């Protein structure tokens, strides 16, 4: 198997983190500045699959990355753009995920996330909008 084909297969399986971490160490230390520019406060997530809306308090913006995982997980920044961030994370003993957040305005973002949580796969698509101050 060629190295390029193996790399493409690893990307397709979501195994890109170790491969990219070796090849691009500067990316792993990205700041996720776009998330820090989001308005702080109470946000409402509206899921495209019709699930009940969820409220979340955004203090740093990073709360939007791990919507299905709580606690401290190892994160790897895949993309750190002015309006889009993508983070892949692993939570030891509790699965992993990959989340992309696209900023439309400082108070409106689009979120796509998928992975494994509690031994089961998940995939979510949502719009998050600031609704006021945190309670």
N, C-alpha and C. Protein backbone atom coordinates (compact mmCIF):
# COMPACT_ATOMS: atom_id res chain seq x y z
N UNK A 1 0.86 -1.16 0.00
CA UNK A 1 0.00 0.00 0.00
C UNK A 1 0.91 1.23 0.00
N UNK A 2 0.59 2.20 -0.85
CA UNK A 2 1.40 3.41 -0.91
C UNK A 2 1.16 4.25 0.33
N UNK A 3 2.13 5.12 0.65
CA UNK A 3 1.98 5.99 1.82
C UNK A 3 0.78 6.92 1.66
N UNK A 4 0.59 7.46 0.46
CA UNK A 4 -0.53 8.37 0.23
C UNK A 4 -1.85 7.66 0.42
N UNK A 5 -1.97 6.45 -0.11
CA UNK A 5 -3.22 5.70 0.04
C UNK A 5 -3.47 5.39 1.51
N UNK A 6 -2.44 5.01 2.24
CA UNK A 6 -2.58 4.75 3.68
C UNK A 6 -3.01 5.98 4.43
N UNK A 7 -2.46 7.15 4.05
CA UNK A 7 -2.84 8.41 4.68
C UNK A 7 -4.30 8.72 4.41
N UNK A 8 -4.73 8.54 3.16
CA UNK A 8 -6.13 8.80 2.82
C UNK A 8 -7.06 7.86 3.58
N UNK A 9 -6.67 6.60 3.73
CA UNK A 9 -7.50 5.66 4.48
C UNK A 9 -7.59 6.10 5.94
N UNK A 10 -6.47 6.54 6.51
CA UNK A 10 -6.46 6.99 7.90
C UNK A 10 -7.37 8.19 8.08
N UNK A 11 -7.35 9.12 7.13
CA UNK A 11 -8.24 10.28 7.21
C UNK A 11 -9.70 9.84 7.17
N UNK A 12 -10.02 8.91 6.29
CA UNK A 12 -11.40 8.44 6.16
C UNK A 12 -11.89 7.73 7.41
N UNK A 13 -10.97 7.13 8.17
CA UNK A 13 -11.35 6.43 9.40
C UNK A 13 -11.30 7.32 10.62
N UNK A 14 -10.93 8.60 10.41
CA UNK A 14 -10.84 9.51 11.54
C UNK A 14 -9.59 9.32 12.36
N UNK A 15 -8.57 8.72 11.76
CA UNK A 15 -7.33 8.46 12.48
C UNK A 15 -6.25 9.46 12.13
N UNK A 16 -6.62 10.61 11.65
CA UNK A 16 -5.66 11.58 11.17
C UNK A 16 -4.88 12.26 12.28
N UNK A 17 -5.37 12.25 13.47
CA UNK A 17 -4.72 13.00 14.55
C UNK A 17 -3.25 12.67 14.71
N UNK A 18 -2.85 11.40 14.90
CA UNK A 18 -1.43 11.14 15.08
C UNK A 18 -0.62 11.46 13.84
N UNK A 19 -1.18 11.21 12.67
CA UNK A 19 -0.44 11.48 11.45
C UNK A 19 -0.21 12.97 11.25
N UNK A 20 -1.23 13.77 11.48
CA UNK A 20 -1.09 15.21 11.29
C UNK A 20 -0.26 15.83 12.40
N UNK A 21 -0.35 15.28 13.60
CA UNK A 21 0.41 15.84 14.71
C UNK A 21 1.91 15.73 14.45
N UNK A 22 2.33 14.67 13.79
CA UNK A 22 3.74 14.50 13.48
C UNK A 22 4.14 15.44 12.35
N UNK A 23 3.29 15.57 11.36
CA UNK A 23 3.63 16.37 10.19
C UNK A 23 3.46 17.87 10.37
N UNK A 24 2.57 18.30 11.25
CA UNK A 24 2.28 19.73 11.40
C UNK A 24 2.16 20.11 12.88
N UNK A 25 3.25 20.11 13.63
CA UNK A 25 3.14 20.38 15.06
C UNK A 25 2.61 21.76 15.38
N UNK A 26 2.82 22.74 14.52
CA UNK A 26 2.34 24.10 14.82
C UNK A 26 0.82 24.15 14.85
N UNK A 27 0.15 23.35 14.04
CA UNK A 27 -1.30 23.35 14.01
C UNK A 27 -1.88 22.88 15.33
N UNK A 28 -1.23 21.94 15.98
CA UNK A 28 -1.73 21.40 17.25
C UNK A 28 -1.74 22.46 18.34
N UNK A 29 -1.00 23.55 18.16
CA UNK A 29 -0.92 24.58 19.18
C UNK A 29 -1.75 25.81 18.80
N UNK A 30 -2.67 25.67 17.88
CA UNK A 30 -3.50 26.79 17.45
C UNK A 30 -4.33 27.32 18.61
N UNK A 31 -4.76 28.57 18.48
CA UNK A 31 -5.43 29.25 19.59
C UNK A 31 -6.96 29.20 19.54
N UNK A 32 -7.54 28.82 18.43
CA UNK A 32 -8.99 28.84 18.26
C UNK A 32 -9.55 30.23 18.55
N UNK A 33 -8.87 31.22 18.00
CA UNK A 33 -9.23 32.62 18.25
C UNK A 33 -10.67 32.93 17.87
N UNK A 34 -11.18 32.30 16.82
CA UNK A 34 -12.55 32.57 16.40
C UNK A 34 -13.53 32.30 17.53
N UNK A 35 -13.33 31.23 18.29
CA UNK A 35 -14.25 30.90 19.38
C UNK A 35 -14.23 31.97 20.46
N UNK A 36 -13.07 32.55 20.72
CA UNK A 36 -12.97 33.58 21.76
C UNK A 36 -13.65 34.88 21.33
N UNK A 37 -13.95 35.03 20.04
CA UNK A 37 -14.61 36.23 19.54
C UNK A 37 -16.14 36.11 19.54
N UNK A 38 -16.65 34.95 19.94
CA UNK A 38 -18.09 34.78 20.02
C UNK A 38 -18.63 35.53 21.23
N UNK A 39 -19.87 36.01 21.14
CA UNK A 39 -20.49 36.71 22.26
C UNK A 39 -20.66 35.74 23.43
N UNK A 40 -20.31 36.19 24.61
CA UNK A 40 -20.46 35.38 25.81
C UNK A 40 -21.90 35.46 26.29
N UNK A 41 -22.35 34.40 26.97
CA UNK A 41 -23.69 34.40 27.53
C UNK A 41 -24.43 33.11 27.26
N UNK A 42 -25.75 33.16 27.41
CA UNK A 42 -26.61 32.00 27.18
C UNK A 42 -26.82 31.81 25.68
N UNK A 43 -26.69 30.57 25.23
CA UNK A 43 -26.90 30.23 23.83
C UNK A 43 -27.91 29.09 23.77
N UNK A 44 -28.68 29.06 22.69
CA UNK A 44 -29.61 27.96 22.46
C UNK A 44 -29.17 27.20 21.23
N UNK A 45 -29.08 25.88 21.36
CA UNK A 45 -28.76 25.01 20.25
C UNK A 45 -30.04 24.42 19.71
N UNK A 46 -30.25 24.57 18.41
CA UNK A 46 -31.42 23.97 17.75
C UNK A 46 -30.89 22.91 16.78
N UNK A 47 -31.25 21.67 17.07
CA UNK A 47 -30.75 20.54 16.30
C UNK A 47 -31.60 20.31 15.06
N UNK A 48 -30.94 20.03 13.96
CA UNK A 48 -31.64 19.85 12.69
C UNK A 48 -32.43 18.55 12.61
N UNK A 49 -32.17 17.62 13.52
CA UNK A 49 -32.91 16.36 13.49
C UNK A 49 -34.24 16.44 14.25
N UNK A 50 -34.57 17.62 14.76
CA UNK A 50 -35.83 17.80 15.47
C UNK A 50 -35.74 17.55 16.96
N UNK A 51 -34.57 17.22 17.49
CA UNK A 51 -34.41 17.02 18.93
C UNK A 51 -34.75 18.32 19.65
N UNK A 52 -35.07 18.19 20.92
CA UNK A 52 -35.41 19.36 21.73
C UNK A 52 -34.23 20.32 21.78
N UNK A 53 -34.48 21.63 21.72
CA UNK A 53 -33.40 22.61 21.84
C UNK A 53 -32.68 22.46 23.19
N UNK A 54 -31.45 22.87 23.20
CA UNK A 54 -30.62 22.76 24.41
C UNK A 54 -30.01 24.12 24.72
N UNK A 55 -29.98 24.50 25.98
CA UNK A 55 -29.37 25.76 26.38
C UNK A 55 -27.98 25.47 26.95
N UNK A 56 -27.07 26.39 26.68
CA UNK A 56 -25.69 26.24 27.14
C UNK A 56 -25.14 27.63 27.46
N UNK A 57 -24.31 27.71 28.49
CA UNK A 57 -23.67 28.97 28.85
C UNK A 57 -22.29 29.01 28.19
N UNK A 58 -22.07 29.97 27.34
CA UNK A 58 -20.80 30.10 26.63
C UNK A 58 -19.96 31.16 27.33
N UNK A 59 -18.82 30.72 27.85
CA UNK A 59 -17.89 31.63 28.53
C UNK A 59 -16.64 31.88 27.70
N UNK A 60 -16.20 30.84 26.98
CA UNK A 60 -14.98 30.97 26.17
C UNK A 60 -15.20 30.61 24.71
N UNK A 61 -16.31 29.99 24.41
CA UNK A 61 -16.58 29.50 23.06
C UNK A 61 -16.21 28.03 22.91
N UNK A 62 -15.27 27.55 23.70
CA UNK A 62 -14.84 26.16 23.58
C UNK A 62 -15.91 25.18 24.07
N UNK A 63 -16.92 25.68 24.79
CA UNK A 63 -18.01 24.81 25.25
C UNK A 63 -18.77 24.20 24.08
N UNK A 64 -18.68 24.81 22.91
CA UNK A 64 -19.40 24.32 21.74
C UNK A 64 -18.70 23.16 21.05
N UNK A 65 -17.45 22.88 21.42
CA UNK A 65 -16.67 21.83 20.75
C UNK A 65 -17.12 20.44 21.19
N UNK A 66 -17.29 20.21 22.47
CA UNK A 66 -17.60 18.88 22.99
C UNK A 66 -19.03 18.82 23.51
N UNK A 67 -19.99 18.84 22.62
CA UNK A 67 -21.39 18.85 23.03
C UNK A 67 -21.85 17.50 23.57
N UNK A 68 -21.22 16.42 23.18
CA UNK A 68 -21.62 15.08 23.63
C UNK A 68 -20.64 14.48 24.64
N UNK A 69 -19.60 15.21 24.98
CA UNK A 69 -18.61 14.69 25.93
C UNK A 69 -18.34 15.75 27.00
N UNK A 70 -18.32 15.33 28.22
CA UNK A 70 -18.00 16.23 29.33
C UNK A 70 -16.57 15.96 29.77
N UNK A 71 -16.01 16.92 30.45
CA UNK A 71 -14.69 16.72 31.04
C UNK A 71 -13.54 17.09 30.14
N UNK A 72 -12.37 16.76 30.62
CA UNK A 72 -11.13 17.11 29.95
C UNK A 72 -10.75 16.05 28.93
N UNK A 73 -10.79 16.41 27.66
CA UNK A 73 -10.42 15.50 26.59
C UNK A 73 -9.21 16.07 25.87
N UNK A 74 -8.42 15.20 25.26
CA UNK A 74 -7.28 15.65 24.45
C UNK A 74 -7.80 16.18 23.13
N UNK A 75 -7.39 17.39 22.78
CA UNK A 75 -7.87 18.03 21.56
C UNK A 75 -6.75 18.23 20.56
N UNK A 76 -7.11 18.12 19.29
CA UNK A 76 -6.19 18.41 18.20
C UNK A 76 -6.92 19.34 17.23
N UNK A 77 -6.34 20.49 16.98
CA UNK A 77 -6.96 21.47 16.09
C UNK A 77 -6.64 21.09 14.65
N UNK A 78 -7.68 20.81 13.87
CA UNK A 78 -7.53 20.46 12.46
C UNK A 78 -7.54 21.72 11.60
N UNK A 79 -8.44 22.65 11.93
CA UNK A 79 -8.56 23.90 11.18
C UNK A 79 -8.81 25.04 12.15
N UNK A 80 -8.10 26.13 11.98
CA UNK A 80 -8.23 27.28 12.85
C UNK A 80 -8.30 28.53 12.00
N UNK A 81 -9.45 28.74 11.36
CA UNK A 81 -9.62 29.87 10.46
C UNK A 81 -10.32 31.04 11.12
N UNK A 82 -10.46 32.11 10.35
CA UNK A 82 -11.12 33.31 10.86
C UNK A 82 -12.60 33.08 11.15
N UNK A 83 -13.25 32.21 10.36
CA UNK A 83 -14.68 31.96 10.53
C UNK A 83 -15.04 30.49 10.73
N UNK A 84 -14.06 29.59 10.67
CA UNK A 84 -14.31 28.16 10.82
C UNK A 84 -13.22 27.53 11.67
N UNK A 85 -13.62 26.71 12.64
CA UNK A 85 -12.67 25.89 13.38
C UNK A 85 -13.14 24.45 13.33
N UNK A 86 -12.19 23.54 13.28
CA UNK A 86 -12.48 22.11 13.34
C UNK A 86 -11.53 21.51 14.36
N UNK A 87 -12.11 20.78 15.31
CA UNK A 87 -11.34 20.18 16.38
C UNK A 87 -11.68 18.70 16.47
N UNK A 88 -10.65 17.88 16.55
CA UNK A 88 -10.82 16.46 16.78
C UNK A 88 -10.36 16.20 18.20
N UNK A 89 -11.12 15.43 18.97
CA UNK A 89 -10.77 15.21 20.37
C UNK A 89 -11.00 13.75 20.76
N UNK A 90 -10.26 13.33 21.78
CA UNK A 90 -10.37 11.98 22.32
C UNK A 90 -10.54 12.08 23.83
N UNK A 91 -11.55 11.39 24.33
CA UNK A 91 -11.84 11.37 25.76
C UNK A 91 -11.54 9.96 26.27
N UNK A 92 -10.46 9.81 26.96
CA UNK A 92 -10.01 8.49 27.41
C UNK A 92 -11.13 7.73 28.10
N UNK A 93 -11.45 6.57 27.56
CA UNK A 93 -12.49 5.72 28.14
C UNK A 93 -13.92 6.15 27.84
N UNK A 94 -14.08 7.24 27.07
CA UNK A 94 -15.44 7.73 26.80
C UNK A 94 -15.67 8.11 25.35
N UNK A 95 -14.79 7.71 24.44
CA UNK A 95 -15.02 7.96 23.03
C UNK A 95 -14.25 9.13 22.48
N UNK A 96 -14.74 9.63 21.37
CA UNK A 96 -14.05 10.71 20.66
C UNK A 96 -15.04 11.45 19.79
N UNK A 97 -14.59 12.56 19.22
CA UNK A 97 -15.45 13.32 18.33
C UNK A 97 -14.66 14.26 17.45
N UNK A 98 -15.33 14.77 16.47
CA UNK A 98 -14.77 15.77 15.56
C UNK A 98 -15.86 16.80 15.32
N UNK A 99 -15.57 18.06 15.63
CA UNK A 99 -16.55 19.13 15.55
C UNK A 99 -16.05 20.26 14.68
N UNK A 100 -16.91 20.72 13.79
CA UNK A 100 -16.63 21.91 12.98
C UNK A 100 -17.65 22.98 13.36
N UNK A 101 -17.15 24.18 13.59
CA UNK A 101 -18.01 25.30 13.96
C UNK A 101 -17.75 26.43 12.97
N UNK A 102 -18.82 26.89 12.33
CA UNK A 102 -18.72 27.99 11.36
C UNK A 102 -19.44 29.20 11.92
N UNK A 103 -18.72 30.30 12.05
CA UNK A 103 -19.30 31.54 12.58
C UNK A 103 -19.97 32.32 11.46
N UNK A 104 -21.23 32.67 11.67
CA UNK A 104 -21.94 33.57 10.75
C UNK A 104 -21.87 34.99 11.29
N UNK A 105 -22.09 35.14 12.59
CA UNK A 105 -21.96 36.42 13.29
C UNK A 105 -21.40 36.07 14.68
N UNK A 106 -21.02 37.06 15.48
CA UNK A 106 -20.55 36.74 16.83
C UNK A 106 -21.60 36.09 17.73
N UNK A 107 -22.86 36.10 17.30
CA UNK A 107 -23.91 35.49 18.11
C UNK A 107 -24.68 34.38 17.38
N UNK A 108 -24.12 33.89 16.26
CA UNK A 108 -24.77 32.82 15.50
C UNK A 108 -23.72 31.94 14.85
N UNK A 109 -23.78 30.61 15.14
CA UNK A 109 -22.84 29.66 14.55
C UNK A 109 -23.58 28.42 14.07
N UNK A 110 -22.94 27.72 13.15
CA UNK A 110 -23.43 26.43 12.66
C UNK A 110 -22.46 25.38 13.15
N UNK A 111 -22.99 24.26 13.67
CA UNK A 111 -22.15 23.22 14.27
C UNK A 111 -22.45 21.88 13.62
N UNK A 112 -21.39 21.17 13.26
CA UNK A 112 -21.48 19.79 12.77
C UNK A 112 -20.53 18.97 13.64
N UNK A 113 -21.00 17.87 14.20
CA UNK A 113 -20.16 17.05 15.06
C UNK A 113 -20.53 15.58 14.89
N UNK A 114 -19.53 14.73 15.00
CA UNK A 114 -19.78 13.29 14.95
C UNK A 114 -18.69 12.57 15.72
N UNK A 115 -18.99 11.36 16.14
CA UNK A 115 -18.01 10.57 16.87
C UNK A 115 -18.66 9.41 17.60
N UNK A 116 -18.03 9.02 18.70
CA UNK A 116 -18.52 7.94 19.54
C UNK A 116 -18.62 8.47 20.96
N UNK A 117 -19.77 8.30 21.59
CA UNK A 117 -19.97 8.71 22.98
C UNK A 117 -20.69 7.58 23.71
N UNK A 118 -20.16 7.16 24.84
CA UNK A 118 -20.80 6.08 25.60
C UNK A 118 -20.90 4.80 24.81
N UNK A 119 -19.95 4.55 23.92
CA UNK A 119 -19.94 3.33 23.13
C UNK A 119 -20.87 3.34 21.92
N UNK A 120 -21.52 4.47 21.66
CA UNK A 120 -22.46 4.56 20.54
C UNK A 120 -22.09 5.72 19.62
N UNK A 121 -22.29 5.53 18.33
CA UNK A 121 -21.98 6.63 17.40
C UNK A 121 -23.01 7.75 17.51
N UNK A 122 -22.55 8.96 17.22
CA UNK A 122 -23.45 10.10 17.16
C UNK A 122 -23.06 10.98 15.99
N UNK A 123 -24.03 11.72 15.52
CA UNK A 123 -23.82 12.71 14.48
C UNK A 123 -24.85 13.80 14.74
N UNK A 124 -24.38 15.04 14.82
CA UNK A 124 -25.33 16.12 15.06
C UNK A 124 -25.03 17.30 14.16
N UNK A 125 -26.08 18.00 13.84
CA UNK A 125 -26.01 19.22 13.06
C UNK A 125 -26.93 20.21 13.78
N UNK A 126 -26.39 21.39 14.09
CA UNK A 126 -27.17 22.34 14.87
C UNK A 126 -26.81 23.77 14.54
N UNK A 127 -27.75 24.64 14.87
CA UNK A 127 -27.50 26.07 14.82
C UNK A 127 -27.51 26.54 16.27
N UNK A 128 -26.53 27.37 16.63
CA UNK A 128 -26.48 27.90 17.98
C UNK A 128 -26.56 29.42 17.90
N UNK A 129 -27.39 29.98 18.78
CA UNK A 129 -27.63 31.43 18.75
C UNK A 129 -27.64 31.95 20.20
N UNK A 130 -26.97 33.10 20.40
CA UNK A 130 -26.97 33.72 21.72
C UNK A 130 -28.37 34.25 22.02
N UNK A 131 -28.81 33.99 23.25
CA UNK A 131 -30.16 34.40 23.64
C UNK A 131 -30.19 35.38 24.80
N UNK A 132 -29.07 35.61 25.45
CA UNK A 132 -29.04 36.56 26.57
C UNK A 132 -27.90 36.24 27.51
N UNK A 133 -28.08 36.62 28.77
CA UNK A 133 -27.07 36.38 29.79
C UNK A 133 -27.24 34.99 30.38
N UNK A 134 -26.14 34.42 30.87
CA UNK A 134 -26.22 33.13 31.54
C UNK A 134 -26.96 33.27 32.86
N UNK A 135 -27.72 32.26 33.22
CA UNK A 135 -28.50 32.27 34.47
C UNK A 135 -27.66 31.77 35.61
